[in-house]
N, C-alpha and C. Protein backbone atom coordinates (compact mmCIF):
# COMPACT_ATOMS: atom_id res chain seq x y z
N UNK A 1 123.24 77.02 136.48
CA UNK A 1 123.49 75.69 135.94
C UNK A 1 124.67 75.76 134.97
N UNK A 2 125.63 74.91 135.16
CA UNK A 2 126.79 74.91 134.28
C UNK A 2 126.55 74.02 133.06
N UNK A 3 127.27 74.30 132.00
CA UNK A 3 127.13 73.52 130.78
C UNK A 3 127.66 72.12 130.98
N UNK A 4 126.97 71.11 130.44
CA UNK A 4 127.46 69.73 130.55
C UNK A 4 128.72 69.54 129.71
N UNK A 5 129.54 68.61 130.11
CA UNK A 5 130.78 68.32 129.38
C UNK A 5 130.45 67.60 128.07
N UNK A 6 131.42 67.56 127.18
CA UNK A 6 131.25 66.86 125.91
C UNK A 6 130.96 65.38 126.17
N UNK A 7 131.60 64.82 127.18
CA UNK A 7 131.37 63.42 127.51
C UNK A 7 129.92 63.19 127.93
N UNK A 8 129.38 64.11 128.72
CA UNK A 8 127.98 63.99 129.16
C UNK A 8 127.05 64.11 127.97
N UNK A 9 127.31 65.08 127.10
CA UNK A 9 126.48 65.25 125.91
C UNK A 9 126.50 64.00 125.04
N UNK A 10 127.69 63.41 124.85
CA UNK A 10 127.81 62.18 124.07
C UNK A 10 127.07 61.03 124.73
N UNK A 11 127.17 60.94 126.07
CA UNK A 11 126.47 59.88 126.81
C UNK A 11 124.96 60.01 126.62
N UNK A 12 124.45 61.25 126.74
CA UNK A 12 123.01 61.47 126.53
C UNK A 12 122.60 61.09 125.12
N UNK A 13 123.40 61.48 124.15
CA UNK A 13 123.07 61.23 122.76
C UNK A 13 123.05 59.74 122.44
N UNK A 14 123.94 58.98 123.03
CA UNK A 14 124.03 57.55 122.75
C UNK A 14 123.05 56.71 123.56
N UNK A 15 122.46 57.28 124.61
CA UNK A 15 121.55 56.53 125.48
C UNK A 15 120.23 56.27 124.76
N UNK A 16 119.89 55.01 124.48
CA UNK A 16 118.65 54.72 123.76
C UNK A 16 117.39 55.12 124.55
N UNK A 17 117.51 55.27 125.85
CA UNK A 17 116.36 55.69 126.66
C UNK A 17 115.97 57.14 126.40
N UNK A 18 116.87 57.93 125.80
CA UNK A 18 116.58 59.33 125.46
C UNK A 18 115.95 59.47 124.08
N UNK A 19 115.74 58.38 123.39
CA UNK A 19 115.16 58.40 122.04
C UNK A 19 113.89 57.57 122.05
N UNK A 20 112.76 58.24 121.91
CA UNK A 20 111.47 57.56 121.90
C UNK A 20 111.09 57.22 120.46
N UNK A 21 110.56 56.06 120.25
CA UNK A 21 110.14 55.58 118.92
C UNK A 21 111.29 55.65 117.91
N UNK A 22 112.52 55.58 118.40
CA UNK A 22 113.69 55.54 117.53
C UNK A 22 114.21 56.87 117.04
N UNK A 23 113.40 57.95 117.11
CA UNK A 23 113.87 59.20 116.54
C UNK A 23 113.42 60.47 117.25
N UNK A 24 112.63 60.35 118.31
CA UNK A 24 112.16 61.53 119.04
C UNK A 24 113.01 61.68 120.29
N UNK A 25 113.74 62.78 120.35
CA UNK A 25 114.66 63.02 121.48
C UNK A 25 113.88 63.54 122.68
N UNK A 26 114.06 62.90 123.83
CA UNK A 26 113.35 63.28 125.05
C UNK A 26 114.29 63.09 126.23
N UNK A 27 114.91 64.20 126.68
CA UNK A 27 115.86 64.14 127.78
C UNK A 27 115.67 65.37 128.66
N UNK A 28 115.12 65.18 129.85
CA UNK A 28 114.84 66.29 130.77
C UNK A 28 116.11 66.99 131.25
N UNK A 29 117.23 66.31 131.26
CA UNK A 29 118.49 66.91 131.73
C UNK A 29 119.12 67.84 130.69
N UNK A 30 118.85 67.60 129.43
CA UNK A 30 119.47 68.34 128.33
C UNK A 30 118.70 69.64 128.10
N UNK A 31 119.35 70.78 128.31
CA UNK A 31 118.70 72.08 128.17
C UNK A 31 118.93 72.73 126.80
N UNK A 32 119.60 72.02 125.89
CA UNK A 32 119.80 72.58 124.55
C UNK A 32 118.45 72.66 123.82
N UNK A 33 118.26 73.71 123.05
CA UNK A 33 117.02 73.87 122.31
C UNK A 33 117.00 72.95 121.08
N UNK A 34 118.11 72.89 120.37
CA UNK A 34 118.21 72.03 119.20
C UNK A 34 119.42 71.10 119.32
N UNK A 35 119.26 69.94 119.95
CA UNK A 35 120.36 68.97 119.99
C UNK A 35 120.49 68.27 118.64
N UNK A 36 121.63 67.63 118.38
CA UNK A 36 121.80 66.94 117.10
C UNK A 36 120.86 65.73 116.98
N UNK A 37 120.50 65.42 115.74
CA UNK A 37 119.67 64.25 115.49
C UNK A 37 120.44 62.99 115.85
N UNK A 38 119.75 61.88 115.86
CA UNK A 38 120.39 60.62 116.21
C UNK A 38 121.56 60.33 115.27
N UNK A 39 121.37 60.62 114.00
CA UNK A 39 122.46 60.58 113.03
C UNK A 39 122.92 62.03 112.88
N UNK A 40 124.01 62.38 113.54
CA UNK A 40 124.41 63.78 113.72
C UNK A 40 124.55 64.56 112.42
N UNK A 41 125.04 63.93 111.36
CA UNK A 41 125.26 64.67 110.11
C UNK A 41 123.97 65.12 109.46
N UNK A 42 122.81 64.62 109.94
CA UNK A 42 121.52 64.98 109.35
C UNK A 42 120.95 66.29 109.90
N UNK A 43 121.61 66.89 110.89
CA UNK A 43 121.14 68.17 111.40
C UNK A 43 120.72 68.11 112.85
N UNK A 44 119.67 68.86 113.18
CA UNK A 44 119.24 68.99 114.56
C UNK A 44 117.80 68.53 114.73
N UNK A 45 117.43 68.30 115.98
CA UNK A 45 116.07 67.90 116.31
C UNK A 45 115.58 68.73 117.48
N UNK A 46 114.39 68.46 117.94
CA UNK A 46 113.79 69.15 119.07
C UNK A 46 113.85 68.22 120.27
N UNK A 47 114.22 68.77 121.43
CA UNK A 47 114.17 68.00 122.67
C UNK A 47 112.77 68.18 123.25
N UNK A 48 111.93 67.18 123.09
CA UNK A 48 110.53 67.29 123.51
C UNK A 48 110.36 67.28 125.02
N UNK A 49 111.42 67.10 125.78
CA UNK A 49 111.35 67.20 127.24
C UNK A 49 111.68 68.61 127.71
N UNK A 50 112.13 69.46 126.81
CA UNK A 50 112.53 70.82 127.14
C UNK A 50 111.43 71.78 126.67
N UNK A 51 110.79 72.47 127.61
CA UNK A 51 109.69 73.37 127.29
C UNK A 51 110.10 74.45 126.30
N UNK A 52 111.29 75.00 126.46
CA UNK A 52 111.77 76.05 125.54
C UNK A 52 111.92 75.50 124.12
N UNK A 53 112.43 74.30 124.01
CA UNK A 53 112.62 73.67 122.72
C UNK A 53 111.28 73.45 122.01
N UNK A 54 110.30 72.96 122.74
CA UNK A 54 108.98 72.73 122.17
C UNK A 54 108.33 74.05 121.78
N UNK A 55 108.48 75.07 122.60
CA UNK A 55 107.92 76.39 122.31
C UNK A 55 108.52 76.97 121.02
N UNK A 56 109.83 76.88 120.86
CA UNK A 56 110.48 77.36 119.63
C UNK A 56 109.97 76.57 118.44
N UNK A 57 109.82 75.27 118.58
CA UNK A 57 109.31 74.42 117.51
C UNK A 57 107.90 74.85 117.10
N UNK A 58 107.03 75.12 118.07
CA UNK A 58 105.65 75.54 117.79
C UNK A 58 105.64 76.91 117.11
N UNK A 59 106.48 77.83 117.58
CA UNK A 59 106.54 79.17 116.96
C UNK A 59 106.97 79.05 115.49
N UNK A 60 107.99 78.26 115.23
CA UNK A 60 108.46 78.07 113.84
C UNK A 60 107.35 77.45 113.00
N UNK A 61 106.65 76.48 113.54
CA UNK A 61 105.57 75.82 112.82
C UNK A 61 104.43 76.80 112.52
N UNK A 62 104.06 77.63 113.48
CA UNK A 62 102.99 78.62 113.28
C UNK A 62 103.41 79.65 112.23
N UNK A 63 104.63 80.15 112.32
CA UNK A 63 105.12 81.13 111.33
C UNK A 63 105.10 80.51 109.93
N UNK A 64 105.52 79.27 109.81
CA UNK A 64 105.51 78.58 108.52
C UNK A 64 104.09 78.44 107.99
N UNK A 65 103.16 78.02 108.84
CA UNK A 65 101.77 77.85 108.42
C UNK A 65 101.14 79.18 108.02
N UNK A 66 101.38 80.23 108.78
CA UNK A 66 100.84 81.56 108.46
C UNK A 66 101.42 82.05 107.14
N UNK A 67 102.70 81.86 106.93
CA UNK A 67 103.35 82.27 105.69
C UNK A 67 102.76 81.52 104.50
N UNK A 68 102.58 80.22 104.64
CA UNK A 68 102.00 79.43 103.56
C UNK A 68 100.56 79.85 103.29
N UNK A 69 99.80 80.11 104.33
CA UNK A 69 98.41 80.53 104.18
C UNK A 69 98.33 81.84 103.41
N UNK A 70 99.12 82.83 103.81
CA UNK A 70 99.05 84.13 103.15
C UNK A 70 99.64 84.09 101.74
N UNK A 71 100.56 83.19 101.49
CA UNK A 71 101.09 83.08 100.13
C UNK A 71 100.03 82.48 99.21
N UNK A 72 99.18 81.60 99.72
CA UNK A 72 98.10 81.02 98.93
C UNK A 72 96.97 82.02 98.73
N UNK A 73 96.69 82.84 99.74
CA UNK A 73 95.60 83.83 99.67
C UNK A 73 95.93 84.90 98.64
N UNK A 74 97.19 85.30 98.56
CA UNK A 74 97.57 86.36 97.63
C UNK A 74 97.68 85.87 96.20
N UNK A 75 97.72 84.58 95.98
CA UNK A 75 97.83 84.05 94.60
C UNK A 75 96.50 83.76 94.02
């Protein structure tokens, strides 16, 4: 699979059908793990249509929760 052009990426980003509830990015064609948020200067988001993206999100969330749990247990 070849990388999409900048024009395609911009088209996907601007398409309101790829944004659920105004801020949740869901685009099956986009294989990026962390695409930019709807307001690009605010950082990145998760593409909830991409299994790899959701998996990375869950791993980060689990690591964060485990870290917080053990930091509370040791205090």
